[in-house]
Amino acid sequence: MANIRSAEKQRRQAEKARVRNRAGKSRLKSALKEARSGAPNLSKAFSEIDKAAKKGLIKDNTANRYKSRLTAAAKRAEAK
C-alpha cells in the first residue's frame, strides 16, 4: 500500500495503462489469428498492427515483421 500521494496516483495510472494495454494486445492477437486462419482480408490485421505500434504496444520493427510475414503467407496461400 502506497503511503505517498504521488505513489498512489502512479499506482492508479499504472492500473489504467495495464487494462488499456491488455485490451490492445488482445485485439492485436485476435486480428493476427483471424488473418492467419486463411481469411484473405489483411487490411483489418494491418490496421490493428499499425494501431498497436502507434500506441507503443509493440515496436515498429515488430509491426513491420508481422505485416511482412502475413503478406508472404497470403501470397503462398494464393499460389496454391
N, C-alpha and C. Protein backbone atom coordinates (compact mmCIF):
# COMPACT_ATOMS: atom_id res chain seq x y z
N MET A 1 0.84 -1.19 0.00
CA MET A 1 0.00 0.00 0.00
C MET A 1 0.88 1.24 0.00
N ALA A 2 0.55 2.16 -0.87
CA ALA A 2 1.35 3.36 -1.00
C ALA A 2 1.07 4.33 0.14
N ASN A 3 2.13 4.91 0.67
CA ASN A 3 1.99 5.89 1.75
C ASN A 3 2.04 7.32 1.23
N ILE A 4 2.55 7.49 0.03
CA ILE A 4 2.73 8.83 -0.53
C ILE A 4 1.69 9.05 -1.62
N ARG A 5 1.13 10.25 -1.67
CA ARG A 5 0.05 10.54 -2.63
C ARG A 5 0.49 10.32 -4.06
N SER A 6 1.71 10.73 -4.39
CA SER A 6 2.19 10.58 -5.76
C SER A 6 2.34 9.10 -6.12
N ALA A 7 2.73 8.28 -5.14
CA ALA A 7 2.86 6.84 -5.38
C ALA A 7 1.49 6.21 -5.60
N GLU A 8 0.51 6.68 -4.86
CA GLU A 8 -0.86 6.18 -5.04
C GLU A 8 -1.39 6.55 -6.41
N LYS A 9 -1.12 7.80 -6.83
CA LYS A 9 -1.55 8.25 -8.15
C LYS A 9 -0.87 7.42 -9.24
N GLN A 10 0.41 7.16 -9.08
CA GLN A 10 1.13 6.35 -10.06
C GLN A 10 0.56 4.94 -10.14
N ARG A 11 0.17 4.40 -9.00
CA ARG A 11 -0.45 3.07 -8.97
C ARG A 11 -1.75 3.06 -9.76
N ARG A 12 -2.56 4.11 -9.58
CA ARG A 12 -3.83 4.21 -10.32
C ARG A 12 -3.56 4.34 -11.82
N GLN A 13 -2.61 5.16 -12.18
CA GLN A 13 -2.29 5.35 -13.59
C GLN A 13 -1.76 4.06 -14.21
N ALA A 14 -0.92 3.35 -13.47
CA ALA A 14 -0.36 2.10 -13.99
C ALA A 14 -1.46 1.07 -14.20
N GLU A 15 -2.43 1.05 -13.32
CA GLU A 15 -3.55 0.10 -13.45
C GLU A 15 -4.37 0.41 -14.70
N LYS A 16 -4.64 1.70 -14.93
CA LYS A 16 -5.39 2.09 -16.14
C LYS A 16 -4.61 1.71 -17.39
N ALA A 17 -3.32 1.96 -17.39
CA ALA A 17 -2.48 1.63 -18.55
C ALA A 17 -2.45 0.13 -18.77
N ARG A 18 -2.39 -0.63 -17.69
CA ARG A 18 -2.35 -2.09 -17.80
C ARG A 18 -3.61 -2.61 -18.47
N VAL A 19 -4.75 -2.10 -18.06
CA VAL A 19 -6.02 -2.51 -18.65
C VAL A 19 -6.08 -2.13 -20.12
N ARG A 20 -5.66 -0.90 -20.43
CA ARG A 20 -5.66 -0.41 -21.81
C ARG A 20 -4.73 -1.25 -22.69
N ASN A 21 -3.53 -1.51 -22.19
CA ASN A 21 -2.55 -2.27 -22.96
C ASN A 21 -3.01 -3.70 -23.17
N ARG A 22 -3.62 -4.27 -22.16
CA ARG A 22 -4.10 -5.65 -22.27
C ARG A 22 -5.19 -5.77 -23.33
N ALA A 23 -6.10 -4.80 -23.36
CA ALA A 23 -7.16 -4.80 -24.36
C ALA A 23 -6.59 -4.64 -25.76
N GLY A 24 -5.61 -3.75 -25.90
CA GLY A 24 -4.99 -3.53 -27.21
C GLY A 24 -4.25 -4.76 -27.70
N LYS A 25 -3.52 -5.42 -26.81
CA LYS A 25 -2.78 -6.63 -27.18
C LYS A 25 -3.76 -7.73 -27.57
N SER A 26 -4.88 -7.80 -26.86
CA SER A 26 -5.89 -8.82 -27.16
C SER A 26 -6.48 -8.59 -28.55
N ARG A 27 -6.80 -7.33 -28.87
CA ARG A 27 -7.31 -7.01 -30.20
C ARG A 27 -6.30 -7.37 -31.28
N LEU A 28 -5.04 -7.07 -31.01
CA LEU A 28 -3.97 -7.37 -31.97
C LEU A 28 -3.87 -8.88 -32.20
N LYS A 29 -3.84 -9.64 -31.12
CA LYS A 29 -3.72 -11.10 -31.24
C LYS A 29 -4.91 -11.70 -31.98
N SER A 30 -6.10 -11.19 -31.71
CA SER A 30 -7.29 -11.68 -32.39
C SER A 30 -7.23 -11.40 -33.89
N ALA A 31 -6.78 -10.20 -34.24
CA ALA A 31 -6.67 -9.84 -35.65
C ALA A 31 -5.63 -10.70 -36.35
N LEU A 32 -4.50 -10.96 -35.68
CA LEU A 32 -3.46 -11.81 -36.26
C LEU A 32 -3.97 -13.24 -36.46
N LYS A 33 -4.67 -13.74 -35.46
CA LYS A 33 -5.19 -15.10 -35.56
C LYS A 33 -6.20 -15.21 -36.70
N GLU A 34 -7.05 -14.20 -36.84
CA GLU A 34 -8.04 -14.19 -37.91
C GLU A 34 -7.37 -14.14 -39.28
N ALA A 35 -6.32 -13.33 -39.40
CA ALA A 35 -5.61 -13.20 -40.67
C ALA A 35 -4.88 -14.50 -41.02
N ARG A 36 -4.34 -15.18 -40.02
CA ARG A 36 -3.61 -16.42 -40.26
C ARG A 36 -4.54 -17.59 -40.55
N SER A 37 -5.80 -17.45 -40.21
CA SER A 37 -6.74 -18.56 -40.37
C SER A 37 -7.14 -18.79 -41.82
N GLY A 38 -6.63 -17.99 -42.71
CA GLY A 38 -6.93 -18.17 -44.11
C GLY A 38 -7.85 -17.11 -44.67
N ALA A 39 -8.32 -16.21 -43.82
CA ALA A 39 -9.15 -15.11 -44.31
C ALA A 39 -8.26 -14.17 -45.13
N PRO A 40 -8.60 -13.90 -46.38
CA PRO A 40 -7.74 -13.11 -47.24
C PRO A 40 -7.71 -11.62 -46.91
N ASN A 41 -8.57 -11.17 -46.00
CA ASN A 41 -8.65 -9.74 -45.68
C ASN A 41 -7.54 -9.35 -44.72
N LEU A 42 -6.46 -8.79 -45.25
CA LEU A 42 -5.32 -8.40 -44.43
C LEU A 42 -5.45 -6.98 -43.90
N SER A 43 -6.37 -6.20 -44.47
CA SER A 43 -6.43 -4.79 -44.10
C SER A 43 -6.79 -4.59 -42.63
N LYS A 44 -7.67 -5.43 -42.09
CA LYS A 44 -8.03 -5.31 -40.67
C LYS A 44 -6.83 -5.63 -39.79
N ALA A 45 -6.12 -6.68 -40.15
CA ALA A 45 -4.93 -7.06 -39.38
C ALA A 45 -3.87 -5.97 -39.46
N PHE A 46 -3.65 -5.42 -40.65
CA PHE A 46 -2.66 -4.36 -40.81
C PHE A 46 -3.05 -3.14 -39.99
N SER A 47 -4.34 -2.83 -39.97
CA SER A 47 -4.83 -1.69 -39.20
C SER A 47 -4.55 -1.88 -37.71
N GLU A 48 -4.85 -3.08 -37.19
CA GLU A 48 -4.61 -3.35 -35.77
C GLU A 48 -3.12 -3.34 -35.45
N ILE A 49 -2.31 -3.86 -36.36
CA ILE A 49 -0.86 -3.85 -36.15
C ILE A 49 -0.35 -2.42 -36.08
N ASP A 50 -0.81 -1.58 -37.00
CA ASP A 50 -0.38 -0.17 -37.02
C ASP A 50 -0.83 0.57 -35.77
N LYS A 51 -2.05 0.30 -35.32
CA LYS A 51 -2.55 0.94 -34.10
C LYS A 51 -1.72 0.54 -32.89
N ALA A 52 -1.40 -0.75 -32.80
CA ALA A 52 -0.60 -1.24 -31.67
C ALA A 52 0.79 -0.61 -31.67
N ALA A 53 1.38 -0.48 -32.86
CA ALA A 53 2.70 0.14 -32.95
C ALA A 53 2.64 1.62 -32.59
N LYS A 54 1.59 2.29 -33.04
CA LYS A 54 1.44 3.72 -32.76
C LYS A 54 1.29 3.97 -31.26
N LYS A 55 0.59 3.07 -30.59
CA LYS A 55 0.36 3.23 -29.15
C LYS A 55 1.52 2.71 -28.30
N GLY A 56 2.51 2.10 -28.95
CA GLY A 56 3.67 1.62 -28.21
C GLY A 56 3.49 0.24 -27.61
N LEU A 57 2.46 -0.48 -28.02
CA LEU A 57 2.26 -1.84 -27.50
C LEU A 57 3.28 -2.81 -28.09
N ILE A 58 3.66 -2.55 -29.34
CA ILE A 58 4.72 -3.32 -29.98
C ILE A 58 5.66 -2.33 -30.65
N LYS A 59 6.88 -2.76 -30.89
CA LYS A 59 7.85 -1.88 -31.54
C LYS A 59 7.57 -1.81 -33.04
N ASP A 60 8.08 -0.76 -33.67
CA ASP A 60 7.85 -0.56 -35.10
C ASP A 60 8.39 -1.71 -35.93
N ASN A 61 9.57 -2.21 -35.57
CA ASN A 61 10.15 -3.29 -36.34
C ASN A 61 9.32 -4.57 -36.20
N THR A 62 8.76 -4.79 -35.03
CA THR A 62 7.90 -5.95 -34.80
C THR A 62 6.65 -5.85 -35.67
N ALA A 63 6.10 -4.65 -35.75
CA ALA A 63 4.92 -4.43 -36.59
C ALA A 63 5.24 -4.72 -38.06
N ASN A 64 6.39 -4.23 -38.51
CA ASN A 64 6.79 -4.48 -39.89
C ASN A 64 7.00 -5.97 -40.15
N ARG A 65 7.57 -6.66 -39.18
CA ARG A 65 7.80 -8.10 -39.33
C ARG A 65 6.48 -8.85 -39.42
N TYR A 66 5.53 -8.50 -38.57
CA TYR A 66 4.21 -9.13 -38.61
C TYR A 66 3.57 -8.94 -39.99
N LYS A 67 3.61 -7.70 -40.48
CA LYS A 67 2.98 -7.40 -41.77
C LYS A 67 3.67 -8.15 -42.90
N SER A 68 4.98 -8.21 -42.85
CA SER A 68 5.73 -8.91 -43.89
C SER A 68 5.38 -10.39 -43.91
N ARG A 69 5.33 -11.00 -42.75
CA ARG A 69 5.03 -12.43 -42.67
C ARG A 69 3.59 -12.73 -43.08
N LEU A 70 2.67 -11.86 -42.71
CA LEU A 70 1.28 -12.06 -43.13
C LEU A 70 1.14 -11.95 -44.64
N THR A 71 1.82 -10.98 -45.23
CA THR A 71 1.78 -10.80 -46.67
C THR A 71 2.37 -12.02 -47.39
N ALA A 72 3.50 -12.50 -46.89
CA ALA A 72 4.15 -13.67 -47.50
C ALA A 72 3.25 -14.90 -47.39
N ALA A 73 2.61 -15.07 -46.24
CA ALA A 73 1.72 -16.22 -46.05
C ALA A 73 0.51 -16.14 -46.99
N ALA A 74 -0.01 -14.92 -47.16
CA ALA A 74 -1.16 -14.73 -48.07
C ALA A 74 -0.78 -15.05 -49.51
N LYS A 75 0.43 -14.65 -49.91
CA LYS A 75 0.89 -14.94 -51.27
C LYS A 75 1.08 -16.44 -51.47
N ARG A 76 1.61 -17.12 -50.45
CA ARG A 76 1.77 -18.57 -50.55
C ARG A 76 0.43 -19.26 -50.65
N ALA A 77 -0.53 -18.81 -49.87
CA ALA A 77 -1.86 -19.40 -49.90
C ALA A 77 -2.54 -19.15 -51.23
N GLU A 78 -2.31 -17.98 -51.80
CA GLU A 78 -2.91 -17.62 -53.08
C GLU A 78 -2.32 -18.46 -54.22
N ALA A 79 -1.05 -18.79 -54.10
CA ALA A 79 -0.37 -19.56 -55.15
C ALA A 79 -0.87 -21.01 -55.19
N LYS A 80 -1.34 -21.50 -54.07
CA LYS A 80 -1.81 -22.89 -54.02
C LYS A 80 -3.15 -23.09 -54.66
